[in-house]
């Protein structure tokens, strides 16, 4: 069964408030089966345009990634991100 991924491209607009999102989303997504593969770190755009920060969270399946993204507890915390960052979030099935 292919794995599932939540991929985020994010530009933080309020770093102090965004810290709460990082502290609270991590245990929720890990409890739902997620493993952070990429979380920030050095990146260089080779083609096109994107936001500044990149996150890849791996799940055992696409269905589990969708369940995690739609989880009510996660969505409550995601509101912190939405208020303090510009973001594009994608759920994708792996190869």
N, C-alpha and C. Protein backbone atom coordinates (compact mmCIF):
# COMPACT_ATOMS: atom_id res chain seq x y z
N UNK A 1 0.85 -1.18 0.00
CA UNK A 1 0.00 0.00 0.00
C UNK A 1 0.89 1.24 0.00
N UNK A 2 0.65 2.19 -0.91
CA UNK A 2 1.45 3.41 -0.94
C UNK A 2 1.27 4.25 0.33
N UNK A 3 2.33 4.91 0.72
CA UNK A 3 2.27 5.81 1.87
C UNK A 3 1.56 7.09 1.47
N UNK A 4 1.16 7.85 2.46
CA UNK A 4 0.55 9.16 2.24
C UNK A 4 1.40 10.23 2.87
N UNK A 5 1.31 11.43 2.32
CA UNK A 5 2.13 12.54 2.80
C UNK A 5 1.31 13.81 2.92
N UNK A 6 1.56 14.54 3.98
CA UNK A 6 1.09 15.93 4.06
C UNK A 6 2.32 16.77 3.76
N UNK A 7 2.19 17.62 2.75
CA UNK A 7 3.29 18.50 2.36
C UNK A 7 2.84 19.94 2.56
N UNK A 8 3.64 20.70 3.25
CA UNK A 8 3.32 22.10 3.49
C UNK A 8 4.42 23.02 2.98
N UNK A 9 4.00 24.09 2.36
CA UNK A 9 4.90 25.18 1.95
C UNK A 9 4.39 26.40 2.70
N UNK A 10 5.25 27.01 3.50
CA UNK A 10 4.80 27.99 4.48
C UNK A 10 5.75 29.17 4.55
N UNK A 11 5.18 30.36 4.66
CA UNK A 11 5.94 31.55 5.01
C UNK A 11 5.35 32.09 6.30
N UNK A 12 6.13 32.05 7.36
CA UNK A 12 5.67 32.49 8.67
C UNK A 12 5.65 34.01 8.70
N UNK A 13 4.52 34.58 9.11
CA UNK A 13 4.38 36.03 9.20
C UNK A 13 4.48 36.54 10.64
N UNK A 14 4.28 35.65 11.62
CA UNK A 14 4.37 36.01 13.03
C UNK A 14 5.11 34.89 13.75
N UNK A 15 6.45 34.93 13.76
CA UNK A 15 7.24 33.83 14.31
C UNK A 15 6.94 33.50 15.77
N UNK A 16 6.70 34.51 16.59
CA UNK A 16 6.45 34.25 18.01
C UNK A 16 5.17 33.43 18.20
N UNK A 17 4.11 33.80 17.53
CA UNK A 17 2.85 33.08 17.66
C UNK A 17 2.90 31.72 16.96
N UNK A 18 3.68 31.62 15.90
CA UNK A 18 3.78 30.36 15.14
C UNK A 18 4.40 29.24 15.97
N UNK A 19 5.24 29.59 16.93
CA UNK A 19 5.88 28.59 17.79
C UNK A 19 4.84 27.70 18.47
N UNK A 20 3.72 28.28 18.87
CA UNK A 20 2.67 27.49 19.51
C UNK A 20 2.13 26.43 18.57
N UNK A 21 1.98 26.76 17.30
CA UNK A 21 1.51 25.79 16.31
C UNK A 21 2.47 24.60 16.24
N UNK A 22 3.76 24.86 16.13
CA UNK A 22 4.76 23.80 16.03
C UNK A 22 4.73 22.92 17.27
N UNK A 23 4.64 23.54 18.44
CA UNK A 23 4.62 22.78 19.70
C UNK A 23 3.38 21.90 19.81
N UNK A 24 2.25 22.38 19.32
CA UNK A 24 1.00 21.64 19.48
C UNK A 24 0.69 20.68 18.35
N UNK A 25 1.12 20.98 17.12
CA UNK A 25 0.76 20.08 16.02
C UNK A 25 1.60 18.81 16.03
N UNK A 26 2.82 18.89 16.49
CA UNK A 26 3.72 17.74 16.44
C UNK A 26 3.16 16.51 17.16
N UNK A 27 2.78 16.61 18.43
CA UNK A 27 2.28 15.40 19.10
C UNK A 27 0.96 14.89 18.51
N UNK A 28 0.14 15.78 18.01
CA UNK A 28 -1.13 15.36 17.40
C UNK A 28 -0.86 14.53 16.16
N UNK A 29 -0.04 15.06 15.26
CA UNK A 29 0.22 14.36 14.00
C UNK A 29 1.01 13.08 14.21
N UNK A 30 1.92 13.07 15.17
CA UNK A 30 2.65 11.84 15.47
C UNK A 30 1.72 10.77 16.04
N UNK A 31 0.80 11.16 16.89
CA UNK A 31 -0.17 10.21 17.45
C UNK A 31 -1.08 9.63 16.38
N UNK A 32 -1.27 10.36 15.28
CA UNK A 32 -2.10 9.90 14.18
C UNK A 32 -1.29 9.13 13.13
N UNK A 33 -0.04 8.80 13.46
CA UNK A 33 0.78 7.97 12.58
C UNK A 33 1.78 8.72 11.74
N UNK A 34 1.89 10.04 11.92
CA UNK A 34 2.79 10.84 11.10
C UNK A 34 4.23 10.82 11.58
N UNK A 35 5.13 10.87 10.62
CA UNK A 35 6.56 10.99 10.90
C UNK A 35 7.09 12.17 10.09
N UNK A 36 7.67 13.14 10.77
CA UNK A 36 8.22 14.30 10.08
C UNK A 36 9.48 13.90 9.33
N UNK A 37 9.45 14.06 8.01
CA UNK A 37 10.58 13.75 7.14
C UNK A 37 11.38 15.02 6.86
N UNK A 38 10.68 16.11 6.60
CA UNK A 38 11.28 17.42 6.36
C UNK A 38 10.52 18.41 7.22
N UNK A 39 11.24 19.26 7.93
CA UNK A 39 10.57 20.31 8.71
C UNK A 39 11.49 21.52 8.76
N UNK A 40 11.26 22.43 7.83
CA UNK A 40 12.11 23.61 7.75
C UNK A 40 13.47 23.21 7.20
N UNK A 41 14.50 23.80 7.72
CA UNK A 41 15.84 23.47 7.26
C UNK A 41 16.21 24.22 5.98
N UNK A 42 17.42 24.03 5.57
CA UNK A 42 17.95 24.73 4.40
C UNK A 42 17.24 24.25 3.15
N UNK A 43 16.88 25.17 2.29
CA UNK A 43 16.24 24.86 1.02
C UNK A 43 16.61 25.92 -0.01
N UNK A 44 16.65 25.53 -1.24
CA UNK A 44 16.91 26.47 -2.34
C UNK A 44 15.95 26.16 -3.47
N UNK A 45 15.24 27.16 -3.92
CA UNK A 45 14.31 26.99 -5.04
C UNK A 45 15.13 26.94 -6.32
N UNK A 46 15.02 25.83 -7.01
CA UNK A 46 15.80 25.65 -8.24
C UNK A 46 15.02 26.10 -9.47
N UNK A 47 13.70 25.98 -9.42
CA UNK A 47 12.84 26.43 -10.52
C UNK A 47 11.52 26.91 -9.94
N UNK A 48 10.96 27.94 -10.51
CA UNK A 48 9.66 28.43 -10.09
C UNK A 48 9.72 29.24 -8.81
N UNK A 49 8.56 29.35 -8.17
CA UNK A 49 8.43 30.13 -6.94
C UNK A 49 7.68 29.31 -5.91
N UNK A 50 8.00 29.52 -4.65
CA UNK A 50 7.31 28.82 -3.57
C UNK A 50 7.40 29.68 -2.31
N UNK A 51 6.81 29.19 -1.25
CA UNK A 51 6.92 29.86 0.04
C UNK A 51 8.26 29.46 0.67
N UNK A 52 8.57 29.99 1.86
CA UNK A 52 9.92 29.90 2.40
C UNK A 52 10.23 28.61 3.18
N UNK A 53 9.26 28.01 3.82
CA UNK A 53 9.49 26.87 4.71
C UNK A 53 8.78 25.66 4.12
N UNK A 54 9.39 24.47 4.27
CA UNK A 54 8.82 23.27 3.67
C UNK A 54 8.74 22.16 4.71
N UNK A 55 7.63 21.43 4.69
CA UNK A 55 7.39 20.37 5.65
C UNK A 55 6.84 19.17 4.89
N UNK A 56 7.36 17.97 5.20
CA UNK A 56 6.84 16.73 4.64
C UNK A 56 6.61 15.78 5.81
N UNK A 57 5.38 15.31 5.95
CA UNK A 57 5.01 14.38 7.02
C UNK A 57 4.53 13.10 6.36
N UNK A 58 5.17 12.00 6.68
CA UNK A 58 4.84 10.70 6.08
C UNK A 58 3.86 9.94 6.97
N UNK A 59 2.88 9.30 6.33
CA UNK A 59 1.90 8.46 7.01
C UNK A 59 1.89 7.08 6.36
N UNK A 60 1.45 6.07 7.07
CA UNK A 60 1.42 4.72 6.51
C UNK A 60 0.57 4.60 5.24
N UNK A 61 -0.42 5.48 5.07
CA UNK A 61 -1.27 5.43 3.87
C UNK A 61 -1.84 6.81 3.57
N UNK A 62 -2.35 6.95 2.34
CA UNK A 62 -3.02 8.19 1.94
C UNK A 62 -4.23 8.45 2.84
N UNK A 63 -4.98 7.39 3.13
CA UNK A 63 -6.18 7.53 3.98
C UNK A 63 -5.80 8.06 5.35
N UNK A 64 -4.69 7.59 5.91
CA UNK A 64 -4.27 8.07 7.23
C UNK A 64 -3.80 9.52 7.16
N UNK A 65 -3.18 9.92 6.07
CA UNK A 65 -2.78 11.32 5.91
C UNK A 65 -4.02 12.21 5.85
N UNK A 66 -5.03 11.77 5.10
CA UNK A 66 -6.29 12.53 5.01
C UNK A 66 -6.98 12.61 6.36
N UNK A 67 -7.01 11.49 7.07
CA UNK A 67 -7.62 11.46 8.40
C UNK A 67 -6.90 12.42 9.34
N UNK A 68 -5.58 12.42 9.30
CA UNK A 68 -4.80 13.31 10.16
C UNK A 68 -5.09 14.77 9.84
N UNK A 69 -5.08 15.12 8.56
CA UNK A 69 -5.33 16.51 8.19
C UNK A 69 -6.72 16.95 8.64
N UNK A 70 -7.70 16.08 8.50
CA UNK A 70 -9.09 16.43 8.85
C UNK A 70 -9.43 16.22 10.31
N UNK A 71 -8.50 15.74 11.11
CA UNK A 71 -8.73 15.51 12.53
C UNK A 71 -9.15 16.81 13.22
N UNK A 72 -10.25 16.78 13.97
CA UNK A 72 -10.73 18.02 14.61
C UNK A 72 -9.70 18.67 15.54
N UNK A 73 -8.94 17.87 16.27
CA UNK A 73 -7.93 18.45 17.17
C UNK A 73 -6.84 19.14 16.35
N UNK A 74 -6.40 18.50 15.25
CA UNK A 74 -5.40 19.13 14.39
C UNK A 74 -5.96 20.39 13.77
N UNK A 75 -7.19 20.36 13.28
CA UNK A 75 -7.77 21.53 12.62
C UNK A 75 -7.86 22.72 13.58
N UNK A 76 -8.12 22.44 14.85
CA UNK A 76 -8.14 23.52 15.85
C UNK A 76 -6.76 24.17 15.94
N UNK A 77 -5.70 23.37 15.97
CA UNK A 77 -4.34 23.88 16.03
C UNK A 77 -3.94 24.53 14.70
N UNK A 78 -4.42 23.99 13.59
CA UNK A 78 -4.10 24.55 12.28
C UNK A 78 -4.56 26.00 12.15
N UNK A 79 -5.59 26.37 12.90
CA UNK A 79 -6.04 27.76 12.89
C UNK A 79 -4.93 28.71 13.36
N UNK A 80 -4.07 28.24 14.26
CA UNK A 80 -2.93 29.06 14.70
C UNK A 80 -2.02 29.33 13.50
N UNK A 81 -1.74 28.27 12.71
CA UNK A 81 -0.91 28.44 11.51
C UNK A 81 -1.57 29.40 10.53
N UNK A 82 -2.86 29.23 10.31
CA UNK A 82 -3.57 30.07 9.34
C UNK A 82 -3.53 31.55 9.72
N UNK A 83 -3.53 31.83 11.02
CA UNK A 83 -3.50 33.23 11.48
C UNK A 83 -2.10 33.83 11.43
N UNK A 84 -1.06 32.97 11.43
CA UNK A 84 0.31 33.46 11.60
C UNK A 84 1.27 33.08 10.48
N UNK A 85 0.71 32.58 9.38
CA UNK A 85 1.55 32.20 8.24
C UNK A 85 0.71 32.12 6.98
N UNK A 86 1.36 32.30 5.85
CA UNK A 86 0.76 31.97 4.55
C UNK A 86 1.18 30.54 4.27
N UNK A 87 0.23 29.73 3.81
CA UNK A 87 0.60 28.33 3.60
C UNK A 87 -0.19 27.69 2.48
N UNK A 88 0.45 26.69 1.88
CA UNK A 88 -0.17 25.79 0.91
C UNK A 88 0.04 24.41 1.51
N UNK A 89 -1.05 23.66 1.72
CA UNK A 89 -0.97 22.32 2.30
C UNK A 89 -1.54 21.34 1.28
N UNK A 90 -0.80 20.27 1.03
CA UNK A 90 -1.18 19.27 0.05
C UNK A 90 -1.16 17.90 0.72
N UNK A 91 -2.16 17.07 0.44
CA UNK A 91 -2.11 15.67 0.85
C UNK A 91 -1.91 14.87 -0.43
N UNK A 92 -0.90 14.00 -0.44
CA UNK A 92 -0.56 13.28 -1.67
C UNK A 92 -0.23 11.82 -1.36
N UNK A 93 -0.57 10.97 -2.31
CA UNK A 93 -0.23 9.55 -2.20
C UNK A 93 1.16 9.34 -2.74
N UNK A 94 1.95 8.51 -2.05
CA UNK A 94 3.31 8.22 -2.48
C UNK A 94 3.36 7.17 -3.58
N UNK A 95 4.54 6.97 -4.11
CA UNK A 95 4.74 6.00 -5.19
C UNK A 95 4.78 4.59 -4.63
